[in-house]
C-alpha atoms as a PDB file:
ATOM      1  CA  UNK A   1      69.920  42.645 144.331  1.00  0.00           C
ATOM      2  CA  UNK A   2      68.423  43.359 141.351  1.00  0.00           C
ATOM      3  CA  UNK A   3      69.723  46.701 138.888  1.00  0.00           C
ATOM      4  CA  UNK A   4      67.151  48.751 136.809  1.00  0.00           C
ATOM      5  CA  UNK A   5      68.117  50.884 134.076  1.00  0.00           C
ATOM      6  CA  UNK A   6      65.162  53.166 132.697  1.00  0.00           C
ATOM      7  CA  UNK A   7      65.631  55.524 129.532  1.00  0.00           C
ATOM      8  CA  UNK A   8      63.269  56.809 127.137  1.00  0.00           C
ATOM      9  CA  UNK A   9      62.219  60.475 128.344  1.00  0.00           C
ATOM     10  CA  UNK A  10      62.125  63.269 127.371  1.00  0.00           C
ATOM     11  CA  UNK A  11      60.869  66.956 126.271  1.00  0.00           C
ATOM     12  CA  UNK A  12      57.778  67.210 124.239  1.00  0.00           C
ATOM     13  CA  UNK A  13      54.209  68.685 123.655  1.00  0.00           C
ATOM     14  CA  UNK A  14      51.311  68.694 124.542  1.00  0.00           C
ATOM     15  CA  UNK A  15      49.776  65.236 122.082  1.00  0.00           C
ATOM     16  CA  UNK A  16      52.485  63.390 121.893  1.00  0.00           C
ATOM     17  CA  UNK A  17      54.240  59.782 122.236  1.00  0.00           C
ATOM     18  CA  UNK A  18      56.858  58.786 123.569  1.00  0.00           C
ATOM     19  CA  UNK A  19      58.483  54.692 124.891  1.00  0.00           C
ATOM     20  CA  UNK A  20      59.477  53.948 128.043  1.00  0.00           C
ATOM     21  CA  UNK A  21      62.509  50.719 128.199  1.00  0.00           C
ATOM     22  CA  UNK A  22      62.821  49.653 131.943  1.00  0.00           C
ATOM     23  CA  UNK A  23      65.909  47.073 132.377  1.00  0.00           C
ATOM     24  CA  UNK A  24      66.585  45.163 134.577  1.00  0.00           C
ATOM     25  CA  UNK A  25      69.629  43.066 135.445  1.00  0.00           C
ATOM     26  CA  UNK A  26      70.683  40.788 138.817  1.00  0.00           C
ATOM     27  CA  UNK A  27      67.461  37.948 138.995  1.00  0.00           C
ATOM     28  CA  UNK A  28      64.922  37.536 136.176  1.00  0.00           C
ATOM     29  CA  UNK A  29      61.954  39.812 136.642  1.00  0.00           C
ATOM     30  CA  UNK A  30      59.525  37.360 135.066  1.00  0.00           C
ATOM     31  CA  UNK A  31      57.288  35.492 138.037  1.00  0.00           C
ATOM     32  CA  UNK A  32      57.423  39.475 139.537  1.00  0.00           C
ATOM     33  CA  UNK A  33      54.525  41.944 139.481  1.00  0.00           C
ATOM     34  CA  UNK A  34      56.338  45.405 137.814  1.00  0.00           C
ATOM     35  CA  UNK A  35      54.750  48.745 137.635  1.00  0.00           C
ATOM     36  CA  UNK A  36      55.944  52.638 136.334  1.00  0.00           C
ATOM     37  CA  UNK A  37      55.759  54.878 139.003  1.00  0.00           C
ATOM     38  CA  UNK A  38      56.662  58.309 139.172  1.00  0.00           C
ATOM     39  CA  UNK A  39      57.550  61.115 141.114  1.00  0.00           C
ATOM     40  CA  UNK A  40      57.549  65.354 141.325  1.00  0.00           C
ATOM     41  CA  UNK A  41      59.475  67.599 142.665  1.00  0.00           C
ATOM     42  CA  UNK A  42      57.576  67.703 146.478  1.00  0.00           C
ATOM     43  CA  UNK A  43      55.537  64.509 145.923  1.00  0.00           C
ATOM     44  CA  UNK A  44      56.087  61.384 146.904  1.00  0.00           C
ATOM     45  CA  UNK A  45      56.234  57.965 143.672  1.00  0.00           C
ATOM     46  CA  UNK A  46      53.651  56.949 142.637  1.00  0.00           C
ATOM     47  CA  UNK A  47      52.833  54.106 140.489  1.00  0.00           C
ATOM     48  CA  UNK A  48      50.562  54.790 137.521  1.00  0.00           C
ATOM     49  CA  UNK A  49      50.401  51.211 136.188  1.00  0.00           C
ATOM     50  CA  UNK A  50      51.434  47.992 137.485  1.00  0.00           C
ATOM     51  CA  UNK A  51      51.088  44.604 135.351  1.00  0.00           C
ATOM     52  CA  UNK A  52      51.281  41.198 136.812  1.00  0.00           C
ATOM     53  CA  UNK A  53      53.769  38.088 135.732  1.00  0.00           C
ATOM     54  CA  UNK A  54      50.801  36.905 133.993  1.00  0.00           C
ATOM     55  CA  UNK A  55      49.790  40.270 131.895  1.00  0.00           C
ATOM     56  CA  UNK A  56      46.971  41.306 133.807  1.00  0.00           C
ATOM     57  CA  UNK A  57      47.578  45.384 133.830  1.00  0.00           C
ATOM     58  CA  UNK A  58      46.158  47.925 136.466  1.00  0.00           C
ATOM     59  CA  UNK A  59      46.300  51.577 135.452  1.00  0.00           C
ATOM     60  CA  UNK A  60      45.428  54.986 137.566  1.00  0.00           C
ATOM     61  CA  UNK A  61      42.823  57.301 135.680  1.00  0.00           C
ATOM     62  CA  UNK A  62      44.202  59.962 134.508  1.00  0.00           C
ATOM     63  CA  UNK A  63      46.229  57.382 131.872  1.00  0.00           C
ATOM     64  CA  UNK A  64      44.208  54.959 131.218  1.00  0.00           C
ATOM     65  CA  UNK A  65      43.535  54.955 127.466  1.00  0.00           C
ATOM     66  CA  UNK A  66      46.344  56.542 126.886  1.00  0.00           C
ATOM     67  CA  UNK A  67      49.256  54.093 128.713  1.00  0.00           C
ATOM     68  CA  UNK A  68      49.838  50.810 127.054  1.00  0.00           C
ATOM     69  CA  UNK A  69      52.499  49.053 129.796  1.00  0.00           C
ATOM     70  CA  UNK A  70      54.004  45.186 128.247  1.00  0.00           C
ATOM     71  CA  UNK A  71      56.947  43.685 129.205  1.00  0.00           C
ATOM     72  CA  UNK A  72      59.106  40.848 127.862  1.00  0.00           C
ATOM     73  CA  UNK A  73      60.206  38.720 130.219  1.00  0.00           C
ATOM     74  CA  UNK A  74      62.948  37.292 127.840  1.00  0.00           C
ATOM     75  CA  UNK A  75      64.894  40.990 127.908  1.00  0.00           C
ATOM     76  CA  UNK A  76      64.462  41.143 131.380  1.00  0.00           C
ATOM     77  CA  UNK A  77      61.804  44.398 130.396  1.00  0.00           C
ATOM     78  CA  UNK A  78      58.975  46.579 130.851  1.00  0.00           C
ATOM     79  CA  UNK A  79      57.807  49.103 128.286  1.00  0.00           C
ATOM     80  CA  UNK A  80      55.708  52.507 128.460  1.00  0.00           C
ATOM     81  CA  UNK A  81      53.900  53.578 126.316  1.00  0.00           C
ATOM     82  CA  UNK A  82      52.223  56.867 125.672  1.00  0.00           C
ATOM     83  CA  UNK A  83      49.993  58.717 124.172  1.00  0.00           C
ATOM     84  CA  UNK A  84      48.684  61.752 123.768  1.00  0.00           C
ATOM     85  CA  UNK A  85      50.690  63.508 126.480  1.00  0.00           C
ATOM     86  CA  UNK A  86      49.638  66.302 128.769  1.00  0.00           C
ATOM     87  CA  UNK A  87      51.496  68.496 131.057  1.00  0.00           C
ATOM     88  CA  UNK A  88      49.533  66.547 133.740  1.00  0.00           C
ATOM     89  CA  UNK A  89      52.217  63.658 133.079  1.00  0.00           C
ATOM     90  CA  UNK A  90      55.891  65.512 133.844  1.00  0.00           C
ATOM     91  CA  UNK A  91      57.572  63.057 136.198  1.00  0.00           C
ATOM     92  CA  UNK A  92      60.465  61.462 136.679  1.00  0.00           C
ATOM     93  CA  UNK A  93      59.391  57.666 135.178  1.00  0.00           C
ATOM     94  CA  UNK A  94      60.703  54.818 137.540  1.00  0.00           C
ATOM     95  CA  UNK A  95      59.959  51.420 137.450  1.00  0.00           C
ATOM     96  CA  UNK A  96      59.873  48.756 139.955  1.00  0.00           C
ATOM     97  CA  UNK A  97      58.855  45.128 141.670  1.00  0.00           C
ATOM     98  CA  UNK A  98      56.085  46.136 143.293  1.00  0.00           C
ATOM     99  CA  UNK A  99      56.328  43.604 146.581  1.00  0.00           C
ATOM    100  CA  UNK A 100      59.566  45.201 147.004  1.00  0.00           C
ATOM    101  CA  UNK A 101      57.547  49.245 146.553  1.00  0.00           C
ATOM    102  CA  UNK A 102      55.083  47.246 149.157  1.00  0.00           C
ATOM    103  CA  UNK A 103      56.925  45.890 151.220  1.00  0.00           C
ATOM    104  CA  UNK A 104      58.803  49.090 151.948  1.00  0.00           C
ATOM    105  CA  UNK A 105      62.261  47.666 151.767  1.00  0.00           C
ATOM    106  CA  UNK A 106      62.935  49.964 147.606  1.00  0.00           C
ATOM    107  CA  UNK A 107      65.851  51.963 149.719  1.00  0.00           C
ATOM    108  CA  UNK A 108      68.966  51.885 147.032  1.00  0.00           C
ATOM    109  CA  UNK A 109      66.724  49.595 144.622  1.00  0.00           C
ATOM    110  CA  UNK A 110      65.919  52.845 142.107  1.00  0.00           C
ATOM    111  CA  UNK A 111      67.384  53.087 139.256  1.00  0.00           C
ATOM    112  CA  UNK A 112      67.658  56.871 138.161  1.00  0.00           C
ATOM    113  CA  UNK A 113      64.962  57.185 136.079  1.00  0.00           C
ATOM    114  CA  UNK A 114      63.885  58.661 133.375  1.00  0.00           C
ATOM    115  CA  UNK A 115      62.834  62.170 132.947  1.00  0.00           C
ATOM    116  CA  UNK A 116      59.584  63.256 131.129  1.00  0.00           C
ATOM    117  CA  UNK A 117      58.998  66.796 130.274  1.00  0.00           C
ATOM    118  CA  UNK A 118      55.226  67.878 129.222  1.00  0.00           C
ATOM    119  CA  UNK A 119      55.590  71.594 127.752  1.00  0.00           C
ATOM    120  CA  UNK A 120      53.832  73.429 125.431  1.00  0.00           C
END
């Protein structure tokens, strides 16, 4: 079982930047496609960006050009650099293994998440 811990969120003004971190422990993540997800109250958790084991990335349209995902396999971690933050980016951000989520076996696998609040 992988344990996930997200960090780096905060309350910022529109146009600001944040860098989120996700540390995985329990087993190596280097061969897995992993992703950042976000969720707002009353809504389902949605994938924001994913990165494969080879480094290929896939972003949702609304964050393309503003967010950048990266991974450090030696640290079993992934990161999300978020620039030009907008109020619509307000959410709880979490990370997970893409295959776990797509297989709907993600119950109990999520970390605590990290809250991003963007407001003026």
